[in-house]
Amino acid sequence: MPWNLDSDRPIFVQIVEHLQYDIVSGVYAPGQKLPSVRDLAAVASVNPNTMQRALSELERDGYMHSERTSGRFITEDTHMIDELKTRLATAQINEFLPRMERLGLTKEEILNLVEQSIKE
């Protein structure tokens, strides 16, 4: 997934979100070593200090940990990762439903459209 960062919100917050999605989607497996701060910063086209701040936030939240001489690793706590996935999915649904209701769709119509989209 490309790093589509915009200036509407703090960059480090967008990096945190991007990495959370990478963790829950399996781009980074539980226990996997992350690339270096500099390498991640280069891929995201951001300052290494900004990347460091985002990684520190994820580490503080428990989604990764540092090993002093070995680098950073994704948590092996799959329950924590599953909870994050549920939280992120719920947030997407909570944004989606009001938009569909603004279009005048009932919950039943929304559900039917979603089911049709899944079948296609």
N, C-alpha and C. Protein backbone atom coordinates (compact mmCIF):
# COMPACT_ATOMS: atom_id res chain seq x y z
N MET A 1 0.85 -1.17 0.00
CA MET A 1 0.00 0.00 0.00
C MET A 1 0.89 1.24 0.00
N PRO A 2 0.67 2.15 -0.93
CA PRO A 2 1.51 3.34 -0.99
C PRO A 2 1.30 4.24 0.23
N TRP A 3 2.33 4.99 0.53
CA TRP A 3 2.29 5.91 1.67
C TRP A 3 1.71 7.23 1.19
N ASN A 4 0.40 7.31 1.12
CA ASN A 4 -0.28 8.52 0.67
C ASN A 4 -0.48 9.45 1.86
N LEU A 5 0.53 10.20 2.18
CA LEU A 5 0.48 11.12 3.31
C LEU A 5 0.06 12.49 2.81
N ASP A 6 -0.83 13.13 3.57
CA ASP A 6 -1.28 14.46 3.16
C ASP A 6 -1.01 15.46 4.27
N SER A 7 -1.20 16.71 3.98
CA SER A 7 -0.87 17.77 4.94
C SER A 7 -2.05 18.15 5.83
N ASP A 8 -3.16 17.44 5.70
CA ASP A 8 -4.35 17.77 6.50
C ASP A 8 -4.22 17.36 7.96
N ARG A 9 -3.41 16.33 8.22
CA ARG A 9 -3.23 15.81 9.58
C ARG A 9 -1.76 15.61 9.84
N PRO A 10 -1.37 15.53 11.10
CA PRO A 10 0.05 15.33 11.40
C PRO A 10 0.60 14.07 10.70
N ILE A 11 1.77 14.22 10.10
CA ILE A 11 2.38 13.13 9.34
C ILE A 11 2.63 11.91 10.24
N PHE A 12 3.13 12.14 11.46
CA PHE A 12 3.45 10.99 12.30
C PHE A 12 2.20 10.19 12.64
N VAL A 13 1.04 10.84 12.76
CA VAL A 13 -0.22 10.13 13.02
C VAL A 13 -0.58 9.26 11.81
N GLN A 14 -0.38 9.80 10.63
CA GLN A 14 -0.66 9.03 9.41
C GLN A 14 0.29 7.84 9.28
N ILE A 15 1.53 8.02 9.70
CA ILE A 15 2.49 6.92 9.66
C ILE A 15 2.07 5.83 10.64
N VAL A 16 1.66 6.23 11.84
CA VAL A 16 1.17 5.26 12.83
C VAL A 16 0.03 4.46 12.24
N GLU A 17 -0.94 5.14 11.64
CA GLU A 17 -2.09 4.46 11.05
C GLU A 17 -1.66 3.51 9.94
N HIS A 18 -0.76 3.97 9.09
CA HIS A 18 -0.28 3.13 7.99
C HIS A 18 0.37 1.85 8.53
N LEU A 19 1.21 2.01 9.52
CA LEU A 19 1.88 0.84 10.10
C LEU A 19 0.91 -0.06 10.84
N GLN A 20 -0.10 0.51 11.48
CA GLN A 20 -1.13 -0.32 12.11
C GLN A 20 -1.83 -1.19 11.06
N TYR A 21 -2.18 -0.60 9.94
CA TYR A 21 -2.81 -1.37 8.86
C TYR A 21 -1.85 -2.44 8.33
N ASP A 22 -0.58 -2.12 8.22
CA ASP A 22 0.40 -3.12 7.77
C ASP A 22 0.50 -4.28 8.76
N ILE A 23 0.39 -3.98 10.04
CA ILE A 23 0.47 -5.02 11.07
C ILE A 23 -0.77 -5.92 11.00
N VAL A 24 -1.95 -5.33 10.98
CA VAL A 24 -3.17 -6.15 11.01
C VAL A 24 -3.40 -6.90 9.71
N SER A 25 -2.88 -6.38 8.60
CA SER A 25 -3.09 -7.05 7.31
C SER A 25 -2.03 -8.11 7.03
N GLY A 26 -1.02 -8.19 7.88
CA GLY A 26 -0.01 -9.23 7.71
C GLY A 26 1.20 -8.82 6.90
N VAL A 27 1.27 -7.55 6.48
CA VAL A 27 2.48 -7.08 5.80
C VAL A 27 3.67 -7.33 6.72
N TYR A 28 3.47 -7.04 8.01
CA TYR A 28 4.46 -7.37 9.03
C TYR A 28 3.83 -8.41 9.95
N ALA A 29 4.42 -9.59 9.97
CA ALA A 29 3.89 -10.70 10.77
C ALA A 29 4.27 -10.54 12.23
N PRO A 30 3.51 -11.17 13.13
CA PRO A 30 3.88 -11.13 14.54
C PRO A 30 5.32 -11.63 14.73
N GLY A 31 6.09 -10.86 15.48
CA GLY A 31 7.48 -11.22 15.75
C GLY A 31 8.47 -10.82 14.67
N GLN A 32 7.99 -10.31 13.55
CA GLN A 32 8.87 -9.94 12.45
C GLN A 32 9.66 -8.68 12.77
N LYS A 33 10.91 -8.68 12.33
CA LYS A 33 11.76 -7.51 12.49
C LYS A 33 11.37 -6.45 11.45
N LEU A 34 11.29 -5.22 11.91
CA LEU A 34 10.99 -4.10 11.00
C LEU A 34 12.26 -3.60 10.33
N PRO A 35 12.12 -3.01 9.16
CA PRO A 35 13.27 -2.33 8.57
C PRO A 35 13.74 -1.21 9.49
N SER A 36 14.91 -0.71 9.26
CA SER A 36 15.46 0.36 10.09
C SER A 36 14.62 1.63 9.94
N VAL A 37 14.77 2.52 10.90
CA VAL A 37 14.07 3.81 10.86
C VAL A 37 14.41 4.53 9.57
N ARG A 38 15.67 4.55 9.22
CA ARG A 38 16.08 5.25 7.99
C ARG A 38 15.46 4.63 6.74
N ASP A 39 15.43 3.29 6.70
CA ASP A 39 14.84 2.62 5.54
C ASP A 39 13.34 2.91 5.44
N LEU A 40 12.63 2.81 6.57
CA LEU A 40 11.20 3.11 6.56
C LEU A 40 10.95 4.57 6.18
N ALA A 41 11.76 5.47 6.71
CA ALA A 41 11.61 6.89 6.39
C ALA A 41 11.82 7.13 4.90
N ALA A 42 12.79 6.45 4.32
CA ALA A 42 13.07 6.62 2.89
C ALA A 42 11.89 6.12 2.06
N VAL A 43 11.33 4.98 2.43
CA VAL A 43 10.19 4.43 1.69
C VAL A 43 8.98 5.35 1.80
N ALA A 44 8.77 5.91 2.99
CA ALA A 44 7.63 6.81 3.22
C ALA A 44 7.90 8.24 2.77
N SER A 45 9.13 8.53 2.41
CA SER A 45 9.54 9.88 2.02
C SER A 45 9.29 10.90 3.13
N VAL A 46 9.72 10.53 4.34
CA VAL A 46 9.59 11.43 5.49
C VAL A 46 10.94 11.54 6.20
N ASN A 47 11.04 12.51 7.06
CA ASN A 47 12.23 12.70 7.87
C ASN A 47 12.36 11.53 8.85
N PRO A 48 13.57 10.99 9.05
CA PRO A 48 13.76 9.89 10.01
C PRO A 48 13.26 10.23 11.42
N ASN A 49 13.35 11.50 11.83
CA ASN A 49 12.84 11.88 13.15
C ASN A 49 11.32 11.69 13.24
N THR A 50 10.62 11.97 12.15
CA THR A 50 9.17 11.78 12.11
C THR A 50 8.84 10.30 12.20
N MET A 51 9.59 9.48 11.47
CA MET A 51 9.37 8.04 11.52
C MET A 51 9.67 7.51 12.92
N GLN A 52 10.74 8.01 13.51
CA GLN A 52 11.11 7.59 14.87
C GLN A 52 9.98 7.90 15.85
N ARG A 53 9.38 9.06 15.71
CA ARG A 53 8.29 9.45 16.60
C ARG A 53 7.10 8.49 16.44
N ALA A 54 6.78 8.14 15.20
CA ALA A 54 5.66 7.22 14.95
C ALA A 54 5.97 5.83 15.51
N LEU A 55 7.18 5.35 15.31
CA LEU A 55 7.55 4.03 15.82
C LEU A 55 7.55 4.02 17.34
N SER A 56 7.98 5.10 17.95
CA SER A 56 7.94 5.20 19.41
C SER A 56 6.51 5.14 19.93
N GLU A 57 5.60 5.76 19.21
CA GLU A 57 4.18 5.72 19.59
C GLU A 57 3.65 4.28 19.51
N LEU A 58 3.98 3.58 18.44
CA LEU A 58 3.53 2.19 18.30
C LEU A 58 4.17 1.30 19.37
N GLU A 59 5.40 1.61 19.70
CA GLU A 59 6.07 0.85 20.75
C GLU A 59 5.42 1.13 22.11
N ARG A 60 5.10 2.36 22.37
CA ARG A 60 4.43 2.74 23.62
C ARG A 60 3.09 2.03 23.74
N ASP A 61 2.38 1.87 22.62
CA ASP A 61 1.08 1.21 22.62
C ASP A 61 1.19 -0.32 22.66
N GLY A 62 2.42 -0.83 22.53
CA GLY A 62 2.64 -2.27 22.65
C GLY A 62 2.58 -3.06 21.35
N TYR A 63 2.48 -2.38 20.21
CA TYR A 63 2.39 -3.09 18.94
C TYR A 63 3.75 -3.51 18.39
N MET A 64 4.80 -2.99 19.00
CA MET A 64 6.16 -3.41 18.65
C MET A 64 7.04 -3.19 19.86
N HIS A 65 8.21 -3.79 19.80
CA HIS A 65 9.17 -3.60 20.89
C HIS A 65 10.57 -3.53 20.30
N SER A 66 11.46 -2.91 21.05
CA SER A 66 12.85 -2.77 20.63
C SER A 66 13.72 -3.77 21.36
N GLU A 67 14.67 -4.29 20.63
CA GLU A 67 15.73 -5.07 21.25
C GLU A 67 17.00 -4.27 20.99
N ARG A 68 17.62 -3.90 22.03
CA ARG A 68 18.68 -2.90 22.02
C ARG A 68 19.63 -2.95 20.83
N THR A 69 20.17 -4.07 20.50
CA THR A 69 21.14 -4.13 19.40
C THR A 69 20.56 -4.76 18.14
N SER A 70 19.31 -5.22 18.20
CA SER A 70 18.75 -5.96 17.07
C SER A 70 17.70 -5.20 16.27
N GLY A 71 17.15 -4.13 16.83
CA GLY A 71 16.14 -3.36 16.11
C GLY A 71 14.76 -3.50 16.73
N ARG A 72 13.75 -3.19 15.92
CA ARG A 72 12.36 -3.24 16.38
C ARG A 72 11.67 -4.46 15.79
N PHE A 73 10.75 -5.02 16.59
CA PHE A 73 10.01 -6.20 16.19
C PHE A 73 8.53 -5.99 16.48
N ILE A 74 7.69 -6.56 15.61
CA ILE A 74 6.24 -6.53 15.82
C ILE A 74 5.91 -7.42 17.00
N THR A 75 4.91 -7.03 17.77
CA THR A 75 4.49 -7.84 18.91
C THR A 75 4.10 -9.24 18.45
N GLU A 76 4.29 -10.20 19.31
CA GLU A 76 3.85 -11.57 19.02
C GLU A 76 2.48 -11.83 19.62
N ASP A 77 1.90 -10.82 20.25
CA ASP A 77 0.59 -10.95 20.88
C ASP A 77 -0.50 -10.85 19.80
N THR A 78 -0.90 -11.99 19.26
CA THR A 78 -1.89 -12.00 18.18
C THR A 78 -3.26 -11.51 18.66
N HIS A 79 -3.56 -11.70 19.93
CA HIS A 79 -4.82 -11.19 20.48
C HIS A 79 -4.84 -9.66 20.39
N MET A 80 -3.74 -9.03 20.72
CA MET A 80 -3.64 -7.57 20.64
C MET A 80 -3.80 -7.11 19.18
N ILE A 81 -3.20 -7.84 18.26
CA ILE A 81 -3.31 -7.50 16.84
C ILE A 81 -4.75 -7.66 16.37
N ASP A 82 -5.42 -8.74 16.80
CA ASP A 82 -6.82 -8.95 16.42
C ASP A 82 -7.71 -7.85 16.98
N GLU A 83 -7.44 -7.41 18.20
CA GLU A 83 -8.22 -6.31 18.78
C GLU A 83 -8.01 -5.02 17.99
N LEU A 84 -6.78 -4.77 17.56
CA LEU A 84 -6.50 -3.59 16.74
C LEU A 84 -7.25 -3.69 15.42
N LYS A 85 -7.25 -4.86 14.81
CA LYS A 85 -7.96 -5.06 13.54
C LYS A 85 -9.45 -4.76 13.72
N THR A 86 -10.03 -5.26 14.79
CA THR A 86 -11.45 -5.01 15.06
C THR A 86 -11.70 -3.53 15.28
N ARG A 87 -10.82 -2.88 16.01
CA ARG A 87 -10.98 -1.45 16.28
C ARG A 87 -10.89 -0.63 14.98
N LEU A 88 -9.93 -0.97 14.12
CA LEU A 88 -9.78 -0.25 12.86
C LEU A 88 -10.98 -0.49 11.95
N ALA A 89 -11.45 -1.73 11.89
CA ALA A 89 -12.61 -2.06 11.05
C ALA A 89 -13.86 -1.35 11.55
N THR A 90 -14.04 -1.32 12.86
CA THR A 90 -15.20 -0.65 13.44
C THR A 90 -15.16 0.84 13.12
N ALA A 91 -13.99 1.44 13.18
CA ALA A 91 -13.87 2.87 12.85
C ALA A 91 -14.26 3.11 11.39
N GLN A 92 -13.86 2.22 10.50
CA GLN A 92 -14.23 2.36 9.08
C GLN A 92 -15.74 2.25 8.90
N ILE A 93 -16.34 1.29 9.59
CA ILE A 93 -17.79 1.11 9.51
C ILE A 93 -18.51 2.33 10.05
N ASN A 94 -18.01 2.87 11.16
CA ASN A 94 -18.64 4.04 11.77
C ASN A 94 -18.53 5.29 10.90
N GLU A 95 -17.59 5.32 9.99
CA GLU A 95 -17.51 6.42 9.02
C GLU A 95 -18.40 6.13 7.81
N PHE A 96 -18.46 4.87 7.41
CA PHE A 96 -19.21 4.46 6.23
C PHE A 96 -20.72 4.60 6.40
N LEU A 97 -21.24 4.09 7.51
CA LEU A 97 -22.69 4.07 7.70
C LEU A 97 -23.35 5.45 7.65
N PRO A 98 -22.83 6.44 8.36
CA PRO A 98 -23.47 7.76 8.26
C PRO A 98 -23.44 8.34 6.85
N ARG A 99 -22.39 8.05 6.09
CA ARG A 99 -22.34 8.54 4.70
C ARG A 99 -23.44 7.90 3.87
N MET A 100 -23.64 6.61 4.06
CA MET A 100 -24.68 5.91 3.30
C MET A 100 -26.07 6.40 3.71
N GLU A 101 -26.24 6.65 5.00
CA GLU A 101 -27.52 7.17 5.48
C GLU A 101 -27.77 8.57 4.93
N ARG A 102 -26.71 9.36 4.75
CA ARG A 102 -26.86 10.69 4.14
C ARG A 102 -27.32 10.61 2.70
N LEU A 103 -27.04 9.46 2.07
CA LEU A 103 -27.52 9.23 0.71
C LEU A 103 -28.99 8.82 0.69
N GLY A 104 -29.55 8.65 1.89
CA GLY A 104 -30.96 8.28 1.98
C GLY A 104 -31.19 6.78 2.02
N LEU A 105 -30.14 6.01 2.18
CA LEU A 105 -30.27 4.55 2.22
C LEU A 105 -30.64 4.08 3.63
N THR A 106 -31.52 3.09 3.68
CA THR A 106 -31.83 2.47 4.96
C THR A 106 -30.73 1.46 5.29
N LYS A 107 -30.71 1.01 6.54
CA LYS A 107 -29.71 0.01 6.93
C LYS A 107 -29.86 -1.26 6.11
N GLU A 108 -31.10 -1.62 5.81
CA GLU A 108 -31.35 -2.82 4.99
C GLU A 108 -30.79 -2.63 3.57
N GLU A 109 -31.01 -1.45 3.00
CA GLU A 109 -30.48 -1.17 1.66
C GLU A 109 -28.95 -1.17 1.66
N ILE A 110 -28.38 -0.62 2.70
CA ILE A 110 -26.92 -0.60 2.82
C ILE A 110 -26.40 -2.04 2.88
N LEU A 111 -27.02 -2.85 3.71
CA LEU A 111 -26.61 -4.25 3.85
C LEU A 111 -26.73 -4.99 2.52
N ASN A 112 -27.82 -4.76 1.80
CA ASN A 112 -28.00 -5.41 0.49
C ASN A 112 -26.90 -4.99 -0.48
N LEU A 113 -26.58 -3.70 -0.50
CA LEU A 113 -25.52 -3.22 -1.39
C LEU A 113 -24.16 -3.83 -1.02
N VAL A 114 -23.90 -3.92 0.28
CA VAL A 114 -22.64 -4.53 0.72
C VAL A 114 -22.58 -5.99 0.31
N GLU A 115 -23.67 -6.72 0.51
CA GLU A 115 -23.70 -8.13 0.12
C GLU A 115 -23.50 -8.30 -1.37
N GLN A 116 -24.13 -7.42 -2.18
CA GLN A 116 -23.94 -7.47 -3.64
C GLN A 116 -22.48 -7.22 -4.01
N SER A 117 -21.87 -6.26 -3.34
CA SER A 117 -20.47 -5.92 -3.64
C SER A 117 -19.53 -7.08 -3.29
N ILE A 118 -19.85 -7.78 -2.21
CA ILE A 118 -19.01 -8.91 -1.81
C ILE A 118 -19.12 -10.04 -2.83
N LYS A 119 -20.30 -10.24 -3.38
CA LYS A 119 -20.52 -11.33 -4.34
C LYS A 119 -19.83 -11.06 -5.67
N GLU A 120 -19.65 -9.81 -6.01
CA GLU A 120 -19.07 -9.45 -7.32
C GLU A 120 -17.60 -9.70 -7.38
